[in-house]
Amino acid sequence: MIEGILPGCVAVAEAFDDPPGAELFPEEERAIRGSAERRRREFTTTRHCARRALAGLRIAPTAIPVGARREPRWPVGVVGSLTHCEGYRAAALAAENRLVSVGIDAEPHAPMPEGMLAGIAGPAETSRLAELGEEFPHVHWGRLAFSAKESVYKAWYPVARSRLEFHDAVLDFIPRTQTFTAELHRKGPSADGLELNRLTGRWLVLNGLILTAVTIAGRGSGAGGGGLTRPAGGGAPVDPKTDPRSECSSFRRLERAEVMITRDDMTAVIAECMALQTGEASVDYDTPIAIDSFSFVWLQHQLGERFGYDLQPPEGEVMQTLNSARAMHRYLAGLSPDRFAPVD
């Protein structure tokens, strides 16, 4: 799942349970000695994911020791991040000549514990999150903000080697594109001639999880991350995502731009959308549905991520007629017959 919000140059491995055959290297065993069984399972499975991701970079299995702040210490030439929550573990790794840093986080899609929001968000952020909650009530924005700041910190620390407090990063979410920015109110270092003062990230809510990711791409890395924004001493913002020379600039969604979207594809996307909106996943091609503004944004994201299709908002009262997967399929097939299979 999380690969959908990461550049294509990032190797990703995920797990939704703890495989019984996962093993640790001796130095990893020493780092987890005496820990509770739950913590041991989390640690073991994330290391297992990390070695699978290393394989994606054509690097042999190796130990992932623990650093001074319990951060993973990657092999020379590799940057990456680990995350785990109930029912989900993941590793995201890249070659350091492609990205400067990677940060990922996963959280249950659930409300923040009472009183916790004030500890991670300032007044302006809290006000903005409340506005987003009014407009998009199906997202737990407080928990999403927490996850986003975790990803920001995980991307920041390997570069800055210093602590970043929650209030040092001020977030702004853009629901339409499912992205966010983090203005950093702590002076950061320069990396590859770029100042670490504003990071960008992406987010996804799916299958009961919140997933966030931040990647930092240096000036010459040729990678499609966000992050380091301005040359030291001023100048125009640098956004490697838009560099056509970048292998990562298109992200994964454009790798599938010519795939024909079928009846089964539309039904699956609509079913996931309804599961997110109402908790009801038993949706078939003709099940009545109601598409609200949040659902439509989510559909835009999914069709873009999975198939490279740019879904534009319909005009007038058309939205009200999109009341089933079949109706949505028929509407889109009429707009883009070269991308959507004919309706039965």
C-alpha atoms as a PDB file:
ATOM      1  CA  MET A   1       0.000   0.000   0.000  1.00  0.00           C
ATOM      2  CA  ILE A   2       2.610   2.518   1.048  1.00  0.00           C
ATOM      3  CA  GLU A   3       4.495   2.205  -2.233  1.00  0.00           C
ATOM      4  CA  GLY A   4       1.705   4.281  -3.787  1.00  0.00           C
ATOM      5  CA  ILE A   5       2.891   7.396  -1.939  1.00  0.00           C
ATOM      6  CA  LEU A   6       6.610   6.881  -2.524  1.00  0.00           C
ATOM      7  CA  PRO A   7       8.798   7.504  -5.578  1.00  0.00           C
ATOM      8  CA  GLY A   8       9.506   4.522  -7.797  1.00  0.00           C
ATOM      9  CA  CYS A   9      13.184   4.471  -6.787  1.00  0.00           C
ATOM     10  CA  VAL A  10      12.190   3.425  -3.242  1.00  0.00           C
ATOM     11  CA  ALA A  11      12.166  -0.314  -2.524  1.00  0.00           C
ATOM     12  CA  VAL A  12       9.238  -1.199  -0.250  1.00  0.00           C
ATOM     13  CA  ALA A  13       8.336  -4.326   1.716  1.00  0.00           C
ATOM     14  CA  GLU A  14       5.206  -4.692   3.852  1.00  0.00           C
ATOM     15  CA  ALA A  15       3.722  -7.271   6.209  1.00  0.00           C
ATOM     16  CA  PHE A  16       0.264  -7.548   7.702  1.00  0.00           C
ATOM     17  CA  ASP A  17       1.200 -10.176  10.273  1.00  0.00           C
ATOM     18  CA  ASP A  18       4.368 -11.528  11.864  1.00  0.00           C
ATOM     19  CA  PRO A  19       5.795 -14.392   9.758  1.00  0.00           C
ATOM     20  CA  PRO A  20       6.944 -17.270  11.980  1.00  0.00           C
ATOM     21  CA  GLY A  21      10.133 -17.830   9.973  1.00  0.00           C
ATOM     22  CA  ALA A  22      11.538 -14.314  10.415  1.00  0.00           C
ATOM     23  CA  GLU A  23      14.915 -14.330  12.177  1.00  0.00           C
ATOM     24  CA  LEU A  24      17.335 -11.786  13.609  1.00  0.00           C
ATOM     25  CA  PHE A  25      21.082 -11.396  13.289  1.00  0.00           C
ATOM     26  CA  PRO A  26      23.056 -11.705  16.564  1.00  0.00           C
ATOM     27  CA  GLU A  27      23.572  -7.931  16.959  1.00  0.00           C
ATOM     28  CA  GLU A  28      19.857  -7.425  16.438  1.00  0.00           C
ATOM     29  CA  GLU A  29      19.095 -10.072  19.047  1.00  0.00           C
ATOM     30  CA  ARG A  30      21.267  -8.176  21.526  1.00  0.00           C
ATOM     31  CA  ALA A  31      19.371  -4.945  20.830  1.00  0.00           C
ATOM     32  CA  ILE A  32      16.002  -6.552  21.624  1.00  0.00           C
ATOM     33  CA  ARG A  33      17.092  -8.770  24.535  1.00  0.00           C
ATOM     34  CA  GLY A  34      14.681  -8.564  27.464  1.00  0.00           C
ATOM     35  CA  SER A  35      11.933  -6.833  25.490  1.00  0.00           C
ATOM     36  CA  ALA A  36       8.265  -7.811  25.721  1.00  0.00           C
ATOM     37  CA  GLU A  37       7.010 -10.347  23.179  1.00  0.00           C
ATOM     38  CA  ARG A  38       4.952  -7.758  21.295  1.00  0.00           C
ATOM     39  CA  ARG A  39       7.950  -5.459  20.892  1.00  0.00           C
ATOM     40  CA  ARG A  40      10.072  -8.414  19.798  1.00  0.00           C
ATOM     41  CA  ARG A  41       7.568  -9.336  17.072  1.00  0.00           C
ATOM     42  CA  GLU A  42       7.441  -5.747  15.789  1.00  0.00           C
ATOM     43  CA  PHE A  43      11.225  -5.466  15.746  1.00  0.00           C
ATOM     44  CA  THR A  44      11.715  -8.832  14.040  1.00  0.00           C
ATOM     45  CA  THR A  45       9.126  -8.287  11.330  1.00  0.00           C
ATOM     46  CA  THR A  46      10.311  -4.787  10.445  1.00  0.00           C
ATOM     47  CA  ARG A  47      13.873  -6.154  10.099  1.00  0.00           C
ATOM     48  CA  HIS A  48      12.457  -8.944   7.949  1.00  0.00           C
ATOM     49  CA  CYS A  49      10.776  -6.294   5.763  1.00  0.00           C
ATOM     50  CA  ALA A  50      14.009  -4.312   5.632  1.00  0.00           C
ATOM     51  CA  ARG A  51      15.920  -7.297   4.261  1.00  0.00           C
ATOM     52  CA  ARG A  52      13.243  -7.874   1.648  1.00  0.00           C
ATOM     53  CA  ALA A  53      13.544  -4.208   0.644  1.00  0.00           C
ATOM     54  CA  LEU A  54      17.342  -4.536   0.511  1.00  0.00           C
ATOM     55  CA  ALA A  55      16.855  -7.407  -1.904  1.00  0.00           C
ATOM     56  CA  GLY A  56      14.870  -4.998  -4.063  1.00  0.00           C
ATOM     57  CA  LEU A  57      18.010  -2.850  -4.182  1.00  0.00           C
ATOM     58  CA  ARG A  58      20.087  -5.964  -4.999  1.00  0.00           C
ATOM     59  CA  ILE A  59      21.800  -5.908  -1.623  1.00  0.00           C
ATOM     60  CA  ALA A  60      22.405  -9.149   0.271  1.00  0.00           C
ATOM     61  CA  PRO A  61      20.691  -9.733   3.652  1.00  0.00           C
ATOM     62  CA  THR A  62      22.546  -8.059   6.487  1.00  0.00           C
ATOM     63  CA  ALA A  63      21.996  -6.933  10.050  1.00  0.00           C
ATOM     64  CA  ILE A  64      20.194  -3.650  10.705  1.00  0.00           C
ATOM     65  CA  PRO A  65      21.692  -2.510  14.022  1.00  0.00           C
ATOM     66  CA  VAL A  66      20.169   0.103  16.330  1.00  0.00           C
ATOM     67  CA  GLY A  67      21.618   3.613  16.655  1.00  0.00           C
ATOM     68  CA  ALA A  68      21.907   5.927  19.644  1.00  0.00           C
ATOM     69  CA  ARG A  69      18.271   7.077  19.347  1.00  0.00           C
ATOM     70  CA  ARG A  70      17.043   3.583  18.461  1.00  0.00           C
ATOM     71  CA  GLU A  71      17.070   4.516  14.786  1.00  0.00           C
ATOM     72  CA  PRO A  72      17.960   1.806  12.235  1.00  0.00           C
ATOM     73  CA  ARG A  73      21.539   1.920  10.970  1.00  0.00           C
ATOM     74  CA  TRP A  74      21.514   1.109   7.285  1.00  0.00           C
ATOM     75  CA  PRO A  75      24.276  -0.419   5.174  1.00  0.00           C
ATOM     76  CA  VAL A  76      26.656   2.025   3.517  1.00  0.00           C
ATOM     77  CA  GLY A  77      24.996   3.624   0.500  1.00  0.00           C
ATOM     78  CA  VAL A  78      21.423   3.058   1.723  1.00  0.00           C
ATOM     79  CA  VAL A  79      18.838   5.379   3.309  1.00  0.00           C
ATOM     80  CA  GLY A  80      15.496   4.256   4.653  1.00  0.00           C
ATOM     81  CA  SER A  81      12.796   4.115   7.268  1.00  0.00           C
ATOM     82  CA  LEU A  82      10.766   1.544   9.205  1.00  0.00           C
ATOM     83  CA  THR A  83       7.280   1.701  10.658  1.00  0.00           C
ATOM     84  CA  HIS A  84       4.882  -0.544  12.506  1.00  0.00           C
ATOM     85  CA  CYS A  85       1.453  -0.406  14.073  1.00  0.00           C
ATOM     86  CA  GLU A  86      -1.221  -2.958  14.881  1.00  0.00           C
ATOM     87  CA  GLY A  87      -1.606  -5.205  11.825  1.00  0.00           C
ATOM     88  CA  TYR A  88       1.003  -3.491   9.674  1.00  0.00           C
ATOM     89  CA  ARG A  89       4.790  -3.314   9.322  1.00  0.00           C
ATOM     90  CA  ALA A  90       6.824  -1.770   6.499  1.00  0.00           C
ATOM     91  CA  ALA A  91      10.289  -0.809   5.335  1.00  0.00           C
ATOM     92  CA  ALA A  92      11.122   1.749   2.638  1.00  0.00           C
ATOM     93  CA  LEU A  93      14.718   1.951   1.354  1.00  0.00           C
ATOM     94  CA  ALA A  94      16.567   3.778  -1.402  1.00  0.00           C
ATOM     95  CA  ALA A  95      20.109   4.191  -2.650  1.00  0.00           C
ATOM     96  CA  GLU A  96      21.666   7.337  -1.173  1.00  0.00           C
ATOM     97  CA  ASN A  97      22.628   8.558  -4.634  1.00  0.00           C
ATOM     98  CA  ARG A  98      18.872   8.715  -5.392  1.00  0.00           C
ATOM     99  CA  LEU A  99      17.497  10.169  -2.157  1.00  0.00           C
ATOM    100  CA  VAL A 100      19.004  12.004   0.790  1.00  0.00           C
ATOM    101  CA  SER A 101      16.491  10.564   3.265  1.00  0.00           C
ATOM    102  CA  VAL A 102      13.192   8.697   3.612  1.00  0.00           C
ATOM    103  CA  GLY A 103      10.609   8.823   6.402  1.00  0.00           C
ATOM    104  CA  ILE A 104       7.472   6.673   6.613  1.00  0.00           C
ATOM    105  CA  ASP A 105       4.847   6.141   9.289  1.00  0.00           C
ATOM    106  CA  ALA A 106       1.716   4.036   9.768  1.00  0.00           C
ATOM    107  CA  GLU A 107      -1.020   4.587  12.335  1.00  0.00           C
ATOM    108  CA  PRO A 108      -4.461   3.099  12.933  1.00  0.00           C
ATOM    109  CA  HIS A 109      -7.139   5.245  11.333  1.00  0.00           C
ATOM    110  CA  ALA A 110      -8.754   6.177  14.633  1.00  0.00           C
ATOM    111  CA  PRO A 111      -9.333   9.334  16.686  1.00  0.00           C
ATOM    112  CA  MET A 112      -6.458  10.796  18.653  1.00  0.00           C
ATOM    113  CA  PRO A 113      -6.541  10.049  22.385  1.00  0.00           C
ATOM    114  CA  GLU A 114      -8.225  12.892  24.229  1.00  0.00           C
ATOM    115  CA  GLY A 115      -5.904  15.771  25.028  1.00  0.00           C
ATOM    116  CA  MET A 116      -3.085  14.543  22.805  1.00  0.00           C
ATOM    117  CA  LEU A 117      -3.632  16.937  19.892  1.00  0.00           C
ATOM    118  CA  ALA A 118      -2.491  19.979  21.876  1.00  0.00           C
ATOM    119  CA  GLY A 119       0.816  18.229  22.459  1.00  0.00           C
ATOM    120  CA  ILE A 120       1.612  17.879  18.756  1.00  0.00           C
ATOM    121  CA  ALA A 121      -0.120  20.820  17.029  1.00  0.00           C
ATOM    122  CA  GLY A 122      -0.108  24.573  17.571  1.00  0.00           C
ATOM    123  CA  PRO A 123      -3.256  26.761  17.600  1.00  0.00           C
ATOM    124  CA  ALA A 124      -3.148  27.524  13.857  1.00  0.00           C
ATOM    125  CA  GLU A 125      -2.702  23.864  12.993  1.00  0.00           C
ATOM    126  CA  THR A 126      -5.475  22.832  15.382  1.00  0.00           C
ATOM    127  CA  SER A 127      -7.833  25.336  13.782  1.00  0.00           C
ATOM    128  CA  ARG A 128      -6.969  24.103  10.299  1.00  0.00           C
ATOM    129  CA  LEU A 129      -7.449  20.465  11.329  1.00  0.00           C
ATOM    130  CA  ALA A 130     -10.882  21.354  12.704  1.00  0.00           C
ATOM    131  CA  GLU A 131     -11.808  22.952   9.372  1.00  0.00           C
ATOM    132  CA  LEU A 132     -10.651  19.855   7.525  1.00  0.00           C
ATOM    133  CA  GLY A 133     -12.687  17.717   9.900  1.00  0.00           C
ATOM    134  CA  GLU A 134     -15.803  19.685   9.005  1.00  0.00           C
ATOM    135  CA  GLU A 135     -15.172  19.331   5.282  1.00  0.00           C
ATOM    136  CA  PHE A 136     -13.857  15.766   5.288  1.00  0.00           C
ATOM    137  CA  PRO A 137     -15.317  14.100   8.401  1.00  0.00           C
ATOM    138  CA  HIS A 138     -14.279  10.592   7.377  1.00  0.00           C
ATOM    139  CA  VAL A 139     -10.595  11.324   8.029  1.00  0.00           C
ATOM    140  CA  HIS A 140      -9.185  11.442  11.551  1.00  0.00           C
ATOM    141  CA  TRP A 141      -7.089  14.536  10.914  1.00  0.00           C
ATOM    142  CA  GLY A 142      -5.458  14.662  14.334  1.00  0.00           C
ATOM    143  CA  ARG A 143      -4.072  11.172  13.933  1.00  0.00           C
ATOM    144  CA  LEU A 144      -3.030  11.995  10.373  1.00  0.00           C
ATOM    145  CA  ALA A 145      -1.137  15.060  11.661  1.00  0.00           C
ATOM    146  CA  PHE A 146       0.641  12.889  14.218  1.00  0.00           C
ATOM    147  CA  SER A 147       1.667  10.406  11.516  1.00  0.00           C
ATOM    148  CA  ALA A 148       2.827  13.152   9.160  1.00  0.00           C
ATOM    149  CA  LYS A 149       5.049  14.653  11.856  1.00  0.00           C
ATOM    150  CA  GLU A 150       6.496  11.228  12.603  1.00  0.00           C
ATOM    151  CA  SER A 151       7.443  10.879   8.931  1.00  0.00           C
ATOM    152  CA  VAL A 152       8.905  14.384   8.936  1.00  0.00           C
ATOM    153  CA  TYR A 153      11.070  13.537  11.945  1.00  0.00           C
ATOM    154  CA  LYS A 154      12.226  10.238  10.447  1.00  0.00           C
ATOM    155  CA  ALA A 155      13.305  12.043   7.271  1.00  0.00           C
ATOM    156  CA  TRP A 156      14.883  14.944   9.217  1.00  0.00           C
ATOM    157  CA  TYR A 157      16.932  13.077  11.797  1.00  0.00           C
ATOM    158  CA  PRO A 158      19.375  11.172   9.551  1.00  0.00           C
ATOM    159  CA  VAL A 159      20.295  14.470   7.879  1.00  0.00           C
ATOM    160  CA  ALA A 160      20.233  16.852  10.858  1.00  0.00           C
ATOM    161  CA  ARG A 161      21.305  14.354  13.574  1.00  0.00           C
ATOM    162  CA  SER A 162      19.329  16.427  16.061  1.00  0.00           C
ATOM    163  CA  ARG A 163      15.931  16.198  17.695  1.00  0.00           C
ATOM    164  CA  LEU A 164      12.903  17.819  16.090  1.00  0.00           C
ATOM    165  CA  GLU A 165       9.961  18.526  18.405  1.00  0.00           C
ATOM    166  CA  PHE A 166       6.369  18.201  17.231  1.00  0.00           C
ATOM    167  CA  HIS A 167       5.854  21.972  17.401  1.00  0.00           C
ATOM    168  CA  ASP A 168       8.975  22.583  15.314  1.00  0.00           C
ATOM    169  CA  ALA A 169       7.086  21.394  12.222  1.00  0.00           C
ATOM    170  CA  VAL A 170       3.934  23.251  11.134  1.00  0.00           C
ATOM    171  CA  LEU A 171       1.783  21.217   8.752  1.00  0.00           C
ATOM    172  CA  ASP A 172      -0.555  22.192   5.963  1.00  0.00           C
ATOM    173  CA  PHE A 173      -2.637  19.456   4.310  1.00  0.00           C
ATOM    174  CA  ILE A 174      -3.908  19.605   0.730  1.00  0.00           C
ATOM    175  CA  PRO A 175      -6.799  17.102   0.603  1.00  0.00           C
ATOM    176  CA  ARG A 176      -7.303  17.255  -3.170  1.00  0.00           C
ATOM    177  CA  THR A 177      -3.818  15.916  -3.867  1.00  0.00           C
ATOM    178  CA  GLN A 178      -3.399  14.025  -0.571  1.00  0.00           C
ATOM    179  CA  THR A 179      -0.130  15.834   0.087  1.00  0.00           C
ATOM    180  CA  PHE A 180       1.180  17.961   2.929  1.00  0.00           C
ATOM    181  CA  THR A 181       3.918  20.459   3.619  1.00  0.00           C
ATOM    182  CA  ALA A 182       5.881  20.925   6.824  1.00  0.00           C
ATOM    183  CA  GLU A 183       7.448  24.314   7.536  1.00  0.00           C
ATOM    184  CA  LEU A 184      10.336  23.698   9.904  1.00  0.00           C
ATOM    185  CA  HIS A 185      10.790  26.314  12.624  1.00  0.00           C
ATOM    186  CA  ARG A 186      14.175  24.988  13.653  1.00  0.00           C
ATOM    187  CA  LYS A 187      17.249  25.922  11.683  1.00  0.00           C
ATOM    188  CA  GLY A 188      18.362  22.860   9.832  1.00  0.00           C
ATOM    189  CA  PRO A 189      21.497  21.865   7.997  1.00  0.00           C
ATOM    190  CA  SER A 190      22.184  22.120   4.315  1.00  0.00           C
ATOM    191  CA  ALA A 191      22.410  18.948   2.274  1.00  0.00           C
ATOM    192  CA  ASP A 192      23.715  18.934  -1.264  1.00  0.00           C
ATOM    193  CA  GLY A 193      23.555  22.742  -1.230  1.00  0.00           C
ATOM    194  CA  LEU A 194      19.895  22.861  -0.224  1.00  0.00           C
ATOM    195  CA  GLU A 195      18.455  24.111   3.037  1.00  0.00           C
ATOM    196  CA  LEU A 196      16.384  21.770   5.149  1.00  0.00           C
ATOM    197  CA  ASN A 197      13.609  24.212   6.030  1.00  0.00           C
ATOM    198  CA  ARG A 198      10.494  22.881   4.322  1.00  0.00           C
ATOM    199  CA  LEU A 199       9.541  19.284   3.636  1.00  0.00           C
ATOM    200  CA  THR A 200       6.762  17.862   1.524  1.00  0.00           C
ATOM    201  CA  GLY A 201       4.994  14.547   1.937  1.00  0.00           C
ATOM    202  CA  ARG A 202       2.104  12.387   0.814  1.00  0.00           C
ATOM    203  CA  TRP A 203      -0.592  10.545   2.721  1.00  0.00           C
ATOM    204  CA  LEU A 204      -3.119   7.789   2.269  1.00  0.00           C
ATOM    205  CA  VAL A 205      -6.015   6.461   4.338  1.00  0.00           C
ATOM    206  CA  LEU A 206      -6.871   2.893   3.401  1.00  0.00           C
ATOM    207  CA  ASN A 207      -8.001  -0.360   5.003  1.00  0.00           C
ATOM    208  CA  GLY A 208      -8.167   1.124   8.487  1.00  0.00           C
ATOM    209  CA  LEU A 209      -4.674   2.611   8.302  1.00  0.00           C
ATOM    210  CA  ILE A 210      -3.125   6.042   7.938  1.00  0.00           C
ATOM    211  CA  LEU A 211       0.091   5.988   5.906  1.00  0.00           C
ATOM    212  CA  THR A 212       2.419   8.967   5.437  1.00  0.00           C
ATOM    213  CA  ALA A 213       5.734   9.410   3.667  1.00  0.00           C
ATOM    214  CA  VAL A 214       8.365  12.120   3.289  1.00  0.00           C
ATOM    215  CA  THR A 215      11.334  11.836   0.930  1.00  0.00           C
ATOM    216  CA  ILE A 216      14.201  14.286   0.643  1.00  0.00           C
ATOM    217  CA  ALA A 217      15.876  14.498  -2.739  1.00  0.00           C
ATOM    218  CA  GLY A 218      19.181  16.299  -3.150  1.00  0.00           C
ATOM    219  CA  ARG A 219      19.841  18.655  -6.025  1.00  0.00           C
ATOM    220  CA  GLY A 220      21.597  16.072  -8.179  1.00  0.00           C
ATOM    221  CA  SER A 221      19.947  12.875  -7.018  1.00  0.00           C
ATOM    222  CA  GLY A 222      17.530  12.522  -9.923  1.00  0.00           C
ATOM    223  CA  ALA A 223      14.821  11.267  -7.575  1.00  0.00           C
ATOM    224  CA  GLY A 224      11.195  12.173  -7.318  1.00  0.00           C
ATOM    225  CA  GLY A 225      10.906  13.044  -3.671  1.00  0.00           C
ATOM    226  CA  GLY A 226       9.968  16.272  -2.054  1.00  0.00           C
ATOM    227  CA  GLY A 227      11.815  18.012   0.668  1.00  0.00           C
ATOM    228  CA  LEU A 228      14.867  20.218   0.358  1.00  0.00           C
ATOM    229  CA  THR A 229      13.372  23.317  -1.108  1.00  0.00           C
ATOM    230  CA  ARG A 230      15.674  26.246  -1.734  1.00  0.00           C
ATOM    231  CA  PRO A 231      19.298  26.662  -2.685  1.00  0.00           C
ATOM    232  CA  ALA A 232      21.386  28.045   0.142  1.00  0.00           C
ATOM    233  CA  GLY A 233      21.548  31.802  -0.242  1.00  0.00           C
ATOM    234  CA  GLY A 234      18.210  32.126  -2.012  1.00  0.00           C
ATOM    235  CA  GLY A 235      16.925  31.315  -5.445  1.00  0.00           C
ATOM    236  CA  ALA A 236      13.928  29.511  -6.864  1.00  0.00           C
ATOM    237  CA  PRO A 237      12.466  26.446  -5.109  1.00  0.00           C
ATOM    238  CA  VAL A 238      13.867  23.141  -6.252  1.00  0.00           C
ATOM    239  CA  ASP A 239      11.292  20.410  -6.840  1.00  0.00           C
ATOM    240  CA  PRO A 240      12.935  17.254  -8.241  1.00  0.00           C
ATOM    241  CA  LYS A 241       9.467  15.721  -8.734  1.00  0.00           C
ATOM    242  CA  THR A 242       8.969  17.895 -11.798  1.00  0.00           C
ATOM    243  CA  ASP A 243      12.356  17.226 -13.389  1.00  0.00           C
ATOM    244  CA  PRO A 244      11.618  15.241 -16.572  1.00  0.00           C
ATOM    245  CA  ARG A 245      15.086  13.689 -16.405  1.00  0.00           C
ATOM    246  CA  SER A 246      14.188  11.972 -13.155  1.00  0.00           C
ATOM    247  CA  GLU A 247      13.368   8.269 -13.257  1.00  0.00           C
ATOM    248  CA  CYS A 248      11.352   8.793 -10.092  1.00  0.00           C
ATOM    249  CA  SER A 249       9.583  11.978 -11.132  1.00  0.00           C
ATOM    250  CA  SER A 250       6.432  10.242 -12.357  1.00  0.00           C
ATOM    251  CA  PHE A 251       5.949   8.162  -9.196  1.00  0.00           C
ATOM    252  CA  ARG A 252       4.519   4.691  -9.615  1.00  0.00           C
ATOM    253  CA  ARG A 253       1.082   5.686 -10.826  1.00  0.00           C
ATOM    254  CA  LEU A 254       2.299   6.653 -14.296  1.00  0.00           C
ATOM    255  CA  GLU A 255       3.897   3.270 -14.837  1.00  0.00           C
ATOM    256  CA  ARG A 256       0.369   1.966 -15.493  1.00  0.00           C
ATOM    257  CA  ALA A 257      -0.883   4.846 -17.610  1.00  0.00           C
ATOM    258  CA  GLU A 258      -1.895   2.641 -20.554  1.00  0.00           C
ATOM    259  CA  VAL A 259      -3.709  -0.079 -18.578  1.00  0.00           C
ATOM    260  CA  MET A 260      -7.354  -0.549 -19.632  1.00  0.00           C
ATOM    261  CA  ILE A 261      -9.591  -0.102 -16.581  1.00  0.00           C
ATOM    262  CA  THR A 262     -12.189  -2.870 -16.348  1.00  0.00           C
ATOM    263  CA  ARG A 263     -15.495  -3.548 -14.618  1.00  0.00           C
ATOM    264  CA  ASP A 264     -13.684  -5.494 -11.899  1.00  0.00           C
ATOM    265  CA  ASP A 265     -11.220  -2.642 -11.393  1.00  0.00           C
ATOM    266  CA  MET A 266     -14.002  -0.104 -10.934  1.00  0.00           C
ATOM    267  CA  THR A 267     -15.916  -2.387  -8.555  1.00  0.00           C
ATOM    268  CA  ALA A 268     -12.813  -2.961  -6.435  1.00  0.00           C
ATOM    269  CA  VAL A 269     -12.012   0.759  -6.183  1.00  0.00           C
ATOM    270  CA  ILE A 270     -15.609   1.657  -5.322  1.00  0.00           C
ATOM    271  CA  ALA A 271     -15.763  -1.147  -2.723  1.00  0.00           C
ATOM    272  CA  GLU A 272     -12.644   0.185  -0.997  1.00  0.00           C
ATOM    273  CA  CYS A 273     -14.049   3.697  -1.120  1.00  0.00           C
ATOM    274  CA  MET A 274     -17.295   2.617   0.521  1.00  0.00           C
ATOM    275  CA  ALA A 275     -15.423   0.609   3.143  1.00  0.00           C
ATOM    276  CA  LEU A 276     -13.545   3.789   4.052  1.00  0.00           C
ATOM    277  CA  GLN A 277     -16.686   5.929   4.019  1.00  0.00           C
ATOM    278  CA  THR A 278     -19.172   3.644   5.779  1.00  0.00           C
ATOM    279  CA  GLY A 279     -17.288   0.560   6.960  1.00  0.00           C
ATOM    280  CA  GLU A 280     -19.318  -1.556   4.531  1.00  0.00           C
ATOM    281  CA  ALA A 281     -17.113  -3.475   2.084  1.00  0.00           C
ATOM    282  CA  SER A 282     -19.734  -5.774   0.454  1.00  0.00           C
ATOM    283  CA  VAL A 283     -20.192  -3.687  -2.687  1.00  0.00           C
ATOM    284  CA  ASP A 284     -20.713  -5.149  -6.143  1.00  0.00           C
ATOM    285  CA  TYR A 285     -21.095  -3.578  -9.577  1.00  0.00           C
ATOM    286  CA  ASP A 286     -24.734  -2.494  -9.027  1.00  0.00           C
ATOM    287  CA  THR A 287     -24.825  -1.800  -5.266  1.00  0.00           C
ATOM    288  CA  PRO A 288     -26.326   1.677  -4.652  1.00  0.00           C
ATOM    289  CA  ILE A 289     -23.709   4.132  -3.379  1.00  0.00           C
ATOM    290  CA  ALA A 290     -23.499   7.826  -2.522  1.00  0.00           C
ATOM    291  CA  ILE A 291     -20.372   9.722  -3.567  1.00  0.00           C
ATOM    292  CA  ASP A 292     -19.632  12.750  -1.392  1.00  0.00           C
ATOM    293  CA  SER A 293     -16.748  15.214  -1.769  1.00  0.00           C
ATOM    294  CA  PHE A 294     -14.393  13.119   0.341  1.00  0.00           C
ATOM    295  CA  SER A 295     -15.205   9.942  -1.564  1.00  0.00           C
ATOM    296  CA  PHE A 296     -14.609  11.702  -4.855  1.00  0.00           C
ATOM    297  CA  VAL A 297     -11.182  12.962  -3.730  1.00  0.00           C
ATOM    298  CA  TRP A 298     -10.312   9.424  -2.642  1.00  0.00           C
ATOM    299  CA  LEU A 299     -11.440   8.047  -6.021  1.00  0.00           C
ATOM    300  CA  GLN A 300      -9.311  10.660  -7.784  1.00  0.00           C
ATOM    301  CA  HIS A 301      -6.336   9.520  -5.774  1.00  0.00           C
ATOM    302  CA  GLN A 302      -6.888   5.800  -6.339  1.00  0.00           C
ATOM    303  CA  LEU A 303      -7.487   6.058 -10.086  1.00  0.00           C
ATOM    304  CA  GLY A 304      -4.386   8.220 -10.356  1.00  0.00           C
ATOM    305  CA  GLU A 305      -2.194   5.981  -8.196  1.00  0.00           C
ATOM    306  CA  ARG A 306      -3.299   2.675  -9.681  1.00  0.00           C
ATOM    307  CA  PHE A 307      -3.927   3.531 -13.307  1.00  0.00           C
ATOM    308  CA  GLY A 308      -2.453   6.967 -14.005  1.00  0.00           C
ATOM    309  CA  TYR A 309      -5.939   8.312 -14.774  1.00  0.00           C
ATOM    310  CA  ASP A 310      -6.647  11.979 -14.025  1.00  0.00           C
ATOM    311  CA  LEU A 311     -10.255  12.088 -12.810  1.00  0.00           C
ATOM    312  CA  GLN A 312     -11.750  15.586 -12.989  1.00  0.00           C
ATOM    313  CA  PRO A 313     -14.822  16.686 -10.968  1.00  0.00           C
ATOM    314  CA  PRO A 314     -18.043  16.314 -12.987  1.00  0.00           C
ATOM    315  CA  GLU A 315     -20.064  19.375 -13.815  1.00  0.00           C
ATOM    316  CA  GLY A 316     -23.510  20.310 -12.531  1.00  0.00           C
ATOM    317  CA  GLU A 317     -25.615  17.520 -11.030  1.00  0.00           C
ATOM    318  CA  VAL A 318     -23.729  14.680 -12.691  1.00  0.00           C
ATOM    319  CA  MET A 319     -22.287  13.618  -9.328  1.00  0.00           C
ATOM    320  CA  GLN A 320     -25.749  12.600  -8.132  1.00  0.00           C
ATOM    321  CA  THR A 321     -26.093  10.154 -11.028  1.00  0.00           C
ATOM    322  CA  LEU A 322     -22.876   8.316 -10.113  1.00  0.00           C
ATOM    323  CA  ASN A 323     -24.758   6.029  -7.760  1.00  0.00           C
ATOM    324  CA  SER A 324     -23.073   2.668  -8.435  1.00  0.00           C
ATOM    325  CA  ALA A 325     -19.824   1.236  -9.724  1.00  0.00           C
ATOM    326  CA  ARG A 326     -21.625   0.585 -13.020  1.00  0.00           C
ATOM    327  CA  ALA A 327     -22.794   4.202 -13.257  1.00  0.00           C
ATOM    328  CA  MET A 328     -19.297   5.492 -12.499  1.00  0.00           C
ATOM    329  CA  HIS A 329     -17.831   3.085 -15.044  1.00  0.00           C
ATOM    330  CA  ARG A 330     -20.335   4.152 -17.710  1.00  0.00           C
ATOM    331  CA  TYR A 331     -19.620   7.845 -17.065  1.00  0.00           C
ATOM    332  CA  LEU A 332     -15.848   7.411 -17.263  1.00  0.00           C
ATOM    333  CA  ALA A 333     -16.005   5.092 -20.280  1.00  0.00           C
ATOM    334  CA  GLY A 334     -17.945   7.825 -22.071  1.00  0.00           C
ATOM    335  CA  LEU A 335     -15.274  10.383 -21.215  1.00  0.00           C
ATOM    336  CA  SER A 336     -12.268   8.154 -21.893  1.00  0.00           C
ATOM    337  CA  PRO A 337     -13.131   5.143 -24.068  1.00  0.00           C
ATOM    338  CA  ASP A 338      -9.419   4.547 -24.637  1.00  0.00           C
ATOM    339  CA  ARG A 339      -8.871   3.951 -20.909  1.00  0.00           C
ATOM    340  CA  PHE A 340     -12.049   2.225 -19.761  1.00  0.00           C
ATOM    341  CA  ALA A 341     -13.391  -1.081 -21.043  1.00  0.00           C
ATOM    342  CA  PRO A 342     -16.951  -0.902 -22.437  1.00  0.00           C
ATOM    343  CA  VAL A 343     -19.770  -1.277 -19.927  1.00  0.00           C
ATOM    344  CA  ASP A 344     -21.619  -4.603 -20.052  1.00  0.00           C
END
